[in-house]
Amino acid sequence: MTQTELTKDDQELIMNLTQAYEEARAAAVQEGVEQGVQLERRQVVENLLKFRFGEVDELLSRVIDSLLQLTPEEFTPLCLELSREDLLARFSSHQ
């Protein structure tokens, strides 16, 4: 047997490793997509708060993670309608 000949076990191992690699790569791509979506949502919330209050100070930045637990349909009206004080009061207990 020469070095280039593969046994059945070698072929099976290569197939299993190839499948595992493809699955790991697909999972990494999906994770990257999900992280990108989260970054975009964070940017939307920050922009809404900046539009409404002129800036996002340290106190307001603390409520962003809580707002991101909501859907865009839920967080958008809150960002646009609640006062700064109401936002801080509503989400300060969720920290």
PDB file of N, CA and C in Angstrom:
ATOM      1  N   MET A   1       0.855  -1.187   0.000  1.00  0.00           N
ATOM      2  CA  MET A   1       0.000   0.000   0.000  1.00  0.00           C
ATOM      3  C   MET A   1       0.890   1.235   0.000  1.00  0.00           C
ATOM      4  N   THR A   2       0.588   2.180  -0.876  1.00  0.00           N
ATOM      5  CA  THR A   2       1.365   3.412  -0.932  1.00  0.00           C
ATOM      6  C   THR A   2       0.763   4.430   0.018  1.00  0.00           C
ATOM      7  N   GLN A   3       1.508   5.503   0.220  1.00  0.00           N
ATOM      8  CA  GLN A   3       1.048   6.540   1.135  1.00  0.00           C
ATOM      9  C   GLN A   3      -0.213   7.240   0.643  1.00  0.00           C
ATOM     10  N   THR A   4      -0.481   7.269  -0.641  1.00  0.00           N
ATOM     11  CA  THR A   4      -1.638   7.982  -1.176  1.00  0.00           C
ATOM     12  C   THR A   4      -2.922   7.173  -1.091  1.00  0.00           C
ATOM     13  N   GLU A   5      -2.817   5.876  -0.830  1.00  0.00           N
ATOM     14  CA  GLU A   5      -4.010   5.052  -0.683  1.00  0.00           C
ATOM     15  C   GLU A   5      -4.605   5.250   0.704  1.00  0.00           C
ATOM     16  N   LEU A   6      -5.902   5.466   0.744  1.00  0.00           N
ATOM     17  CA  LEU A   6      -6.578   5.663   2.026  1.00  0.00           C
ATOM     18  C   LEU A   6      -7.379   4.416   2.383  1.00  0.00           C
ATOM     19  N   THR A   7      -7.318   4.059   3.647  1.00  0.00           N
ATOM     20  CA  THR A   7      -8.138   2.942   4.106  1.00  0.00           C
ATOM     21  C   THR A   7      -9.573   3.428   4.268  1.00  0.00           C
ATOM     22  N   LYS A   8     -10.468   2.481   4.424  1.00  0.00           N
ATOM     23  CA  LYS A   8     -11.871   2.837   4.664  1.00  0.00           C
ATOM     24  C   LYS A   8     -11.990   3.705   5.914  1.00  0.00           C
ATOM     25  N   ASP A   9     -11.241   3.359   6.953  1.00  0.00           N
ATOM     26  CA  ASP A   9     -11.267   4.135   8.198  1.00  0.00           C
ATOM     27  C   ASP A   9     -10.790   5.561   7.957  1.00  0.00           C
ATOM     28  N   ASP A  10      -9.733   5.710   7.156  1.00  0.00           N
ATOM     29  CA  ASP A  10      -9.213   7.047   6.841  1.00  0.00           C
ATOM     30  C   ASP A  10     -10.266   7.870   6.086  1.00  0.00           C
ATOM     31  N   GLN A  11     -10.919   7.231   5.109  1.00  0.00           N
ATOM     32  CA  GLN A  11     -11.942   7.926   4.334  1.00  0.00           C
ATOM     33  C   GLN A  11     -13.108   8.359   5.216  1.00  0.00           C
ATOM     34  N   GLU A  12     -13.511   7.462   6.116  1.00  0.00           N
ATOM     35  CA  GLU A  12     -14.605   7.790   7.030  1.00  0.00           C
ATOM     36  C   GLU A  12     -14.211   8.931   7.965  1.00  0.00           C
ATOM     37  N   LEU A  13     -12.987   8.893   8.454  1.00  0.00           N
ATOM     38  CA  LEU A  13     -12.499   9.961   9.317  1.00  0.00           C
ATOM     39  C   LEU A  13     -12.505  11.306   8.583  1.00  0.00           C
ATOM     40  N   ILE A  14     -12.037  11.313   7.347  1.00  0.00           N
ATOM     41  CA  ILE A  14     -12.020  12.546   6.556  1.00  0.00           C
ATOM     42  C   ILE A  14     -13.440  13.072   6.351  1.00  0.00           C
ATOM     43  N   MET A  15     -14.364  12.178   6.046  1.00  0.00           N
ATOM     44  CA  MET A  15     -15.756  12.598   5.854  1.00  0.00           C
ATOM     45  C   MET A  15     -16.337  13.184   7.145  1.00  0.00           C
ATOM     46  N   ASN A  16     -16.060  12.525   8.270  1.00  0.00           N
ATOM     47  CA  ASN A  16     -16.562  13.027   9.556  1.00  0.00           C
ATOM     48  C   ASN A  16     -15.954  14.376   9.903  1.00  0.00           C
ATOM     49  N   LEU A  17     -14.656  14.521   9.676  1.00  0.00           N
ATOM     50  CA  LEU A  17     -13.991  15.794   9.963  1.00  0.00           C
ATOM     51  C   LEU A  17     -14.509  16.900   9.044  1.00  0.00           C
ATOM     52  N   THR A  18     -14.751  16.561   7.787  1.00  0.00           N
ATOM     53  CA  THR A  18     -15.283  17.541   6.841  1.00  0.00           C
ATOM     54  C   THR A  18     -16.659  18.004   7.287  1.00  0.00           C
ATOM     55  N   GLN A  19     -17.508  17.080   7.691  1.00  0.00           N
ATOM     56  CA  GLN A  19     -18.848  17.427   8.149  1.00  0.00           C
ATOM     57  C   GLN A  19     -18.772  18.281   9.416  1.00  0.00           C
ATOM     58  N   ALA A  20     -17.908  17.894  10.359  1.00  0.00           N
ATOM     59  CA  ALA A  20     -17.758  18.666  11.593  1.00  0.00           C
ATOM     60  C   ALA A  20     -17.260  20.075  11.287  1.00  0.00           C
ATOM     61  N   TYR A  21     -16.320  20.203  10.364  1.00  0.00           N
ATOM     62  CA  TYR A  21     -15.809  21.521   9.970  1.00  0.00           C
ATOM     63  C   TYR A  21     -16.915  22.366   9.358  1.00  0.00           C
ATOM     64  N   GLU A  22     -17.686  21.776   8.450  1.00  0.00           N
ATOM     65  CA  GLU A  22     -18.760  22.524   7.796  1.00  0.00           C
ATOM     66  C   GLU A  22     -19.818  22.982   8.801  1.00  0.00           C
ATOM     67  N   GLU A  23     -20.147  22.121   9.768  1.00  0.00           N
ATOM     68  CA  GLU A  23     -21.116  22.489  10.803  1.00  0.00           C
ATOM     69  C   GLU A  23     -20.575  23.606  11.685  1.00  0.00           C
ATOM     70  N   ALA A  24     -19.299  23.513  12.071  1.00  0.00           N
ATOM     71  CA  ALA A  24     -18.689  24.551  12.907  1.00  0.00           C
ATOM     72  C   ALA A  24     -18.621  25.875  12.152  1.00  0.00           C
ATOM     73  N   ARG A  25     -18.301  25.808  10.870  1.00  0.00           N
ATOM     74  CA  ARG A  25     -18.225  27.023  10.056  1.00  0.00           C
ATOM     75  C   ARG A  25     -19.608  27.663   9.924  1.00  0.00           C
ATOM     76  N   ALA A  26     -20.643  26.856   9.685  1.00  0.00           N
ATOM     77  CA  ALA A  26     -22.004  27.379   9.570  1.00  0.00           C
ATOM     78  C   ALA A  26     -22.442  28.015  10.882  1.00  0.00           C
ATOM     79  N   ALA A  27     -22.092  27.389  12.002  1.00  0.00           N
ATOM     80  CA  ALA A  27     -22.444  27.948  13.306  1.00  0.00           C
ATOM     81  C   ALA A  27     -21.729  29.278  13.530  1.00  0.00           C
ATOM     82  N   ALA A  28     -20.472  29.367  13.117  1.00  0.00           N
ATOM     83  CA  ALA A  28     -19.717  30.616  13.274  1.00  0.00           C
ATOM     84  C   ALA A  28     -20.311  31.722  12.407  1.00  0.00           C
ATOM     85  N   VAL A  29     -20.711  31.381  11.196  1.00  0.00           N
ATOM     86  CA  VAL A  29     -21.341  32.374  10.317  1.00  0.00           C
ATOM     87  C   VAL A  29     -22.645  32.859  10.929  1.00  0.00           C
ATOM     88  N   GLN A  30     -23.460  31.932  11.437  1.00  0.00           N
ATOM     89  CA  GLN A  30     -24.738  32.304  12.055  1.00  0.00           C
ATOM     90  C   GLN A  30     -24.507  33.195  13.270  1.00  0.00           C
ATOM     91  N   GLU A  31     -23.506  32.865  14.073  1.00  0.00           N
ATOM     92  CA  GLU A  31     -23.191  33.684  15.253  1.00  0.00           C
ATOM     93  C   GLU A  31     -22.779  35.091  14.826  1.00  0.00           C
ATOM     94  N   GLY A  32     -22.012  35.183  13.759  1.00  0.00           N
ATOM     95  CA  GLY A  32     -21.611  36.491  13.242  1.00  0.00           C
ATOM     96  C   GLY A  32     -22.804  37.305  12.774  1.00  0.00           C
ATOM     97  N   VAL A  33     -23.743  36.641  12.113  1.00  0.00           N
ATOM     98  CA  VAL A  33     -24.956  37.319  11.651  1.00  0.00           C
ATOM     99  C   VAL A  33     -25.751  37.827  12.848  1.00  0.00           C
ATOM    100  N   GLU A  34     -25.908  36.975  13.858  1.00  0.00           N
ATOM    101  CA  GLU A  34     -26.666  37.365  15.047  1.00  0.00           C
ATOM    102  C   GLU A  34     -25.992  38.529  15.772  1.00  0.00           C
ATOM    103  N   GLN A  35     -24.670  38.514  15.858  1.00  0.00           N
ATOM    104  CA  GLN A  35     -23.959  39.622  16.494  1.00  0.00           C
ATOM    105  C   GLN A  35     -24.140  40.902  15.694  1.00  0.00           C
ATOM    106  N   GLY A  36     -24.144  40.793  14.379  1.00  0.00           N
ATOM    107  CA  GLY A  36     -24.367  41.956  13.532  1.00  0.00           C
ATOM    108  C   GLY A  36     -25.743  42.547  13.738  1.00  0.00           C
ATOM    109  N   VAL A  37     -26.744  41.689  13.866  1.00  0.00           N
ATOM    110  CA  VAL A  37     -28.112  42.150  14.109  1.00  0.00           C
ATOM    111  C   VAL A  37     -28.184  42.852  15.467  1.00  0.00           C
ATOM    112  N   GLN A  38     -27.543  42.270  16.475  1.00  0.00           N
ATOM    113  CA  GLN A  38     -27.547  42.899  17.800  1.00  0.00           C
ATOM    114  C   GLN A  38     -26.868  44.266  17.770  1.00  0.00           C
ATOM    115  N   LEU A  39     -25.766  44.377  17.046  1.00  0.00           N
ATOM    116  CA  LEU A  39     -25.081  45.670  16.940  1.00  0.00           C
ATOM    117  C   LEU A  39     -25.964  46.696  16.234  1.00  0.00           C
ATOM    118  N   GLU A  40     -26.667  46.265  15.195  1.00  0.00           N
ATOM    119  CA  GLU A  40     -27.569  47.169  14.483  1.00  0.00           C
ATOM    120  C   GLU A  40     -28.708  47.621  15.389  1.00  0.00           C
ATOM    121  N   ARG A  41     -29.278  46.691  16.140  1.00  0.00           N
ATOM    122  CA  ARG A  41     -30.370  47.049  17.069  1.00  0.00           C
ATOM    123  C   ARG A  41     -29.869  48.010  18.132  1.00  0.00           C
ATOM    124  N   ARG A  42     -28.663  47.765  18.646  1.00  0.00           N
ATOM    125  CA  ARG A  42     -28.087  48.663  19.654  1.00  0.00           C
ATOM    126  C   ARG A  42     -27.931  50.060  19.067  1.00  0.00           C
ATOM    127  N   GLN A  43     -27.459  50.134  17.832  1.00  0.00           N
ATOM    128  CA  GLN A  43     -27.279  51.431  17.177  1.00  0.00           C
ATOM    129  C   GLN A  43     -28.612  52.144  17.004  1.00  0.00           C
ATOM    130  N   VAL A  44     -29.653  51.395  16.666  1.00  0.00           N
ATOM    131  CA  VAL A  44     -30.989  51.988  16.517  1.00  0.00           C
ATOM    132  C   VAL A  44     -31.459  52.582  17.841  1.00  0.00           C
ATOM    133  N   VAL A  45     -31.315  51.819  18.924  1.00  0.00           N
ATOM    134  CA  VAL A  45     -31.742  52.313  20.240  1.00  0.00           C
ATOM    135  C   VAL A  45     -30.934  53.555  20.629  1.00  0.00           C
ATOM    136  N   GLU A  46     -29.629  53.499  20.443  1.00  0.00           N
ATOM    137  CA  GLU A  46     -28.792  54.663  20.764  1.00  0.00           C
ATOM    138  C   GLU A  46     -29.212  55.877  19.941  1.00  0.00           C
ATOM    139  N   ASN A  47     -29.488  55.670  18.649  1.00  0.00           N
ATOM    140  CA  ASN A  47     -29.909  56.793  17.803  1.00  0.00           C
ATOM    141  C   ASN A  47     -31.257  57.361  18.233  1.00  0.00           C
ATOM    142  N   LEU A  48     -32.183  56.488  18.612  1.00  0.00           N
ATOM    143  CA  LEU A  48     -33.475  56.971  19.102  1.00  0.00           C
ATOM    144  C   LEU A  48     -33.305  57.819  20.362  1.00  0.00           C
ATOM    145  N   LEU A  49     -32.467  57.333  21.272  1.00  0.00           N
ATOM    146  CA  LEU A  49     -32.244  58.079  22.519  1.00  0.00           C
ATOM    147  C   LEU A  49     -31.513  59.391  22.252  1.00  0.00           C
ATOM    148  N   LYS A  50     -30.542  59.391  21.332  1.00  0.00           N
ATOM    149  CA  LYS A  50     -29.840  60.631  20.973  1.00  0.00           C
ATOM    150  C   LYS A  50     -30.802  61.622  20.337  1.00  0.00           C
ATOM    151  N   PHE A  51     -31.661  61.130  19.436  1.00  0.00           N
ATOM    152  CA  PHE A  51     -32.646  61.993  18.786  1.00  0.00           C
ATOM    153  C   PHE A  51     -33.559  62.625  19.828  1.00  0.00           C
ATOM    154  N   ARG A  52     -33.988  61.823  20.779  1.00  0.00           N
ATOM    155  CA  ARG A  52     -34.960  62.287  21.775  1.00  0.00           C
ATOM    156  C   ARG A  52     -34.333  63.199  22.822  1.00  0.00           C
ATOM    157  N   PHE A  53     -33.136  62.849  23.301  1.00  0.00           N
ATOM    158  CA  PHE A  53     -32.560  63.557  24.452  1.00  0.00           C
ATOM    159  C   PHE A  53     -31.284  64.327  24.125  1.00  0.00           C
ATOM    160  N   GLY A  54     -30.841  64.293  22.890  1.00  0.00           N
ATOM    161  CA  GLY A  54     -29.669  65.063  22.491  1.00  0.00           C
ATOM    162  C   GLY A  54     -28.355  64.334  22.703  1.00  0.00           C
ATOM    163  N   GLU A  55     -28.302  63.466  23.670  1.00  0.00           N
ATOM    164  CA  GLU A  55     -27.101  62.676  23.943  1.00  0.00           C
ATOM    165  C   GLU A  55     -27.487  61.457  24.759  1.00  0.00           C
ATOM    166  N   VAL A  56     -26.592  60.488  24.789  1.00  0.00           N
ATOM    167  CA  VAL A  56     -26.783  59.313  25.642  1.00  0.00           C
ATOM    168  C   VAL A  56     -25.692  59.365  26.692  1.00  0.00           C
ATOM    169  N   ASP A  57     -26.083  59.824  27.864  1.00  0.00           N
ATOM    170  CA  ASP A  57     -25.108  59.903  28.953  1.00  0.00           C
ATOM    171  C   ASP A  57     -24.981  58.540  29.625  1.00  0.00           C
ATOM    172  N   GLU A  58     -24.207  58.492  30.690  1.00  0.00           N
ATOM    173  CA  GLU A  58     -23.942  57.219  31.367  1.00  0.00           C
ATOM    174  C   GLU A  58     -25.223  56.576  31.890  1.00  0.00           C
ATOM    175  N   LEU A  59     -26.125  57.365  32.455  1.00  0.00           N
ATOM    176  CA  LEU A  59     -27.368  56.806  32.995  1.00  0.00           C
ATOM    177  C   LEU A  59     -28.237  56.217  31.886  1.00  0.00           C
ATOM    178  N   LEU A  60     -28.396  56.949  30.806  1.00  0.00           N
ATOM    179  CA  LEU A  60     -29.199  56.428  29.696  1.00  0.00           C
ATOM    180  C   LEU A  60     -28.550  55.204  29.052  1.00  0.00           C
ATOM    181  N   SER A  61     -27.237  55.199  28.976  1.00  0.00           N
ATOM    182  CA  SER A  61     -26.568  54.052  28.354  1.00  0.00           C
ATOM    183  C   SER A  61     -26.811  52.778  29.161  1.00  0.00           C
ATOM    184  N   ARG A  62     -27.110  52.917  30.432  1.00  0.00           N
ATOM    185  CA  ARG A  62     -27.368  51.748  31.276  1.00  0.00           C
ATOM    186  C   ARG A  62     -28.709  51.084  30.962  1.00  0.00           C
ATOM    187  N   VAL A  63     -29.640  51.801  30.354  1.00  0.00           N
ATOM    188  CA  VAL A  63     -30.943  51.200  30.052  1.00  0.00           C
ATOM    189  C   VAL A  63     -30.971  50.532  28.675  1.00  0.00           C
ATOM    190  N   ILE A  64     -29.935  50.730  27.879  1.00  0.00           N
ATOM    191  CA  ILE A  64     -29.939  50.193  26.517  1.00  0.00           C
ATOM    192  C   ILE A  64     -30.047  48.672  26.508  1.00  0.00           C
ATOM    193  N   ASP A  65     -29.301  47.983  27.340  1.00  0.00           N
ATOM    194  CA  ASP A  65     -29.373  46.518  27.360  1.00  0.00           C
ATOM    195  C   ASP A  65     -30.778  46.036  27.720  1.00  0.00           C
ATOM    196  N   SER A  66     -31.429  46.734  28.641  1.00  0.00           N
ATOM    197  CA  SER A  66     -32.803  46.361  28.994  1.00  0.00           C
ATOM    198  C   SER A  66     -33.750  46.604  27.824  1.00  0.00           C
ATOM    199  N   LEU A  67     -33.573  47.718  27.132  1.00  0.00           N
ATOM    200  CA  LEU A  67     -34.409  48.002  25.969  1.00  0.00           C
ATOM    201  C   LEU A  67     -34.199  46.960  24.872  1.00  0.00           C
ATOM    202  N   LEU A  68     -32.984  46.461  24.740  1.00  0.00           N
ATOM    203  CA  LEU A  68     -32.686  45.478  23.701  1.00  0.00           C
ATOM    204  C   LEU A  68     -33.323  44.113  23.968  1.00  0.00           C
ATOM    205  N   GLN A  69     -33.826  43.914  25.165  1.00  0.00           N
ATOM    206  CA  GLN A  69     -34.543  42.673  25.462  1.00  0.00           C
ATOM    207  C   GLN A  69     -35.935  42.698  24.847  1.00  0.00           C
ATOM    208  N   LEU A  70     -36.381  43.878  24.436  1.00  0.00           N
ATOM    209  CA  LEU A  70     -37.695  44.048  23.828  1.00  0.00           C
ATOM    210  C   LEU A  70     -37.588  43.969  22.311  1.00  0.00           C
ATOM    211  N   THR A  71     -38.717  43.780  21.665  1.00  0.00           N
ATOM    212  CA  THR A  71     -38.742  43.812  20.206  1.00  0.00           C
ATOM    213  C   THR A  71     -38.670  45.273  19.751  1.00  0.00           C
ATOM    214  N   PRO A  72     -38.278  45.511  18.502  1.00  0.00           N
ATOM    215  CA  PRO A  72     -38.264  46.891  18.000  1.00  0.00           C
ATOM    216  C   PRO A  72     -39.640  47.563  18.115  1.00  0.00           C
ATOM    217  N   GLU A  73     -40.690  46.785  17.927  1.00  0.00           N
ATOM    218  CA  GLU A  73     -42.039  47.333  18.052  1.00  0.00           C
ATOM    219  C   GLU A  73     -42.337  47.784  19.479  1.00  0.00           C
ATOM    220  N   GLU A  74     -41.689  47.156  20.447  1.00  0.00           N
ATOM    221  CA  GLU A  74     -41.879  47.526  21.847  1.00  0.00           C
ATOM    222  C   GLU A  74     -40.957  48.667  22.265  1.00  0.00           C
ATOM    223  N   PHE A  75     -39.671  48.615  21.864  1.00  0.00           N
ATOM    224  CA  PHE A  75     -38.742  49.632  22.372  1.00  0.00           C
ATOM    225  C   PHE A  75     -38.860  50.973  21.667  1.00  0.00           C
ATOM    226  N   THR A  76     -39.292  50.981  20.406  1.00  0.00           N
ATOM    227  CA  THR A  76     -39.360  52.254  19.672  1.00  0.00           C
ATOM    228  C   THR A  76     -40.309  53.251  20.319  1.00  0.00           C
ATOM    229  N   PRO A  77     -41.560  52.872  20.609  1.00  0.00           N
ATOM    230  CA  PRO A  77     -42.441  53.856  21.254  1.00  0.00           C
ATOM    231  C   PRO A  77     -41.950  54.281  22.636  1.00  0.00           C
ATOM    232  N   LEU A  78     -41.337  53.349  23.361  1.00  0.00           N
ATOM    233  CA  LEU A  78     -40.819  53.711  24.686  1.00  0.00           C
ATOM    234  C   LEU A  78     -39.742  54.785  24.567  1.00  0.00           C
ATOM    235  N   CYS A  79     -38.851  54.599  23.605  1.00  0.00           N
ATOM    236  CA  CYS A  79     -37.769  55.571  23.413  1.00  0.00           C
ATOM    237  C   CYS A  79     -38.305  56.928  22.966  1.00  0.00           C
ATOM    238  N   LEU A  80     -39.378  56.922  22.207  1.00  0.00           N
ATOM    239  CA  LEU A  80     -39.905  58.176  21.661  1.00  0.00           C
ATOM    240  C   LEU A  80     -40.941  58.852  22.544  1.00  0.00           C
ATOM    241  N   GLU A  81     -41.584  58.092  23.423  1.00  0.00           N
ATOM    242  CA  GLU A  81     -42.682  58.657  24.198  1.00  0.00           C
ATOM    243  C   GLU A  81     -42.370  58.874  25.676  1.00  0.00           C
ATOM    244  N   LEU A  82     -41.590  57.991  26.273  1.00  0.00           N
ATOM    245  CA  LEU A  82     -41.307  58.140  27.707  1.00  0.00           C
ATOM    246  C   LEU A  82     -40.292  59.253  27.937  1.00  0.00           C
ATOM    247  N   SER A  83     -40.445  59.918  29.046  1.00  0.00           N
ATOM    248  CA  SER A  83     -39.455  60.926  29.425  1.00  0.00           C
ATOM    249  C   SER A  83     -38.174  60.213  29.857  1.00  0.00           C
ATOM    250  N   ARG A  84     -37.117  60.984  29.925  1.00  0.00           N
ATOM    251  CA  ARG A  84     -35.832  60.435  30.378  1.00  0.00           C
ATOM    252  C   ARG A  84     -35.994  59.810  31.762  1.00  0.00           C
ATOM    253  N   GLU A  85     -36.668  60.523  32.635  1.00  0.00           N
ATOM    254  CA  GLU A  85     -36.866  60.050  34.007  1.00  0.00           C
ATOM    255  C   GLU A  85     -37.690  58.766  34.035  1.00  0.00           C
ATOM    256  N   ASP A  86     -38.733  58.692  33.184  1.00  0.00           N
ATOM    257  CA  ASP A  86     -39.559  57.488  33.141  1.00  0.00           C
ATOM    258  C   ASP A  86     -38.772  56.284  32.610  1.00  0.00           C
ATOM    259  N   LEU A  87     -37.951  56.520  31.597  1.00  0.00           N
ATOM    260  CA  LEU A  87     -37.104  55.432  31.088  1.00  0.00           C
ATOM    261  C   LEU A  87     -36.164  54.922  32.175  1.00  0.00           C
ATOM    262  N   LEU A  88     -35.511  55.856  32.855  1.00  0.00           N
ATOM    263  CA  LEU A  88     -34.567  55.466  33.909  1.00  0.00           C
ATOM    264  C   LEU A  88     -35.285  54.724  35.029  1.00  0.00           C
ATOM    265  N   ALA A  89     -36.454  55.216  35.422  1.00  0.00           N
ATOM    266  CA  ALA A  89     -37.203  54.560  36.503  1.00  0.00           C
ATOM    267  C   ALA A  89     -37.691  53.182  36.083  1.00  0.00           C
ATOM    268  N   ARG A  90     -38.172  53.081  34.861  1.00  0.00           N
ATOM    269  CA  ARG A  90     -38.728  51.815  34.397  1.00  0.00           C
ATOM    270  C   ARG A  90     -37.671  50.729  34.257  1.00  0.00           C
ATOM    271  N   PHE A  91     -36.481  51.092  33.804  1.00  0.00           N
ATOM    272  CA  PHE A  91     -35.463  50.086  33.510  1.00  0.00           C
ATOM    273  C   PHE A  91     -34.336  50.019  34.524  1.00  0.00           C
ATOM    274  N   SER A  92     -34.342  50.858  35.536  1.00  0.00           N
ATOM    275  CA  SER A  92     -33.259  50.809  36.527  1.00  0.00           C
ATOM    276  C   SER A  92     -33.347  49.546  37.380  1.00  0.00           C
ATOM    277  N   SER A  93     -34.540  49.003  37.563  1.00  0.00           N
ATOM    278  CA  SER A  93     -34.678  47.789  38.369  1.00  0.00           C
ATOM    279  C   SER A  93     -34.309  46.540  37.595  1.00  0.00           C
ATOM    280  N   HIS A  94     -34.143  46.642  36.271  1.00  0.00           N
ATOM    281  CA  HIS A  94     -33.809  45.489  35.444  1.00  0.00           C
ATOM    282  C   HIS A  94     -32.311  45.274  35.315  1.00  0.00           C
ATOM    283  N   GLN A  95     -31.521  46.045  35.966  1.00  0.00           N
ATOM    284  CA  GLN A  95     -30.061  45.959  35.825  1.00  0.00           C
ATOM    285  C   GLN A  95     -29.524  44.713  36.483  1.00  0.00           C
TER     286      GLN A  95
END
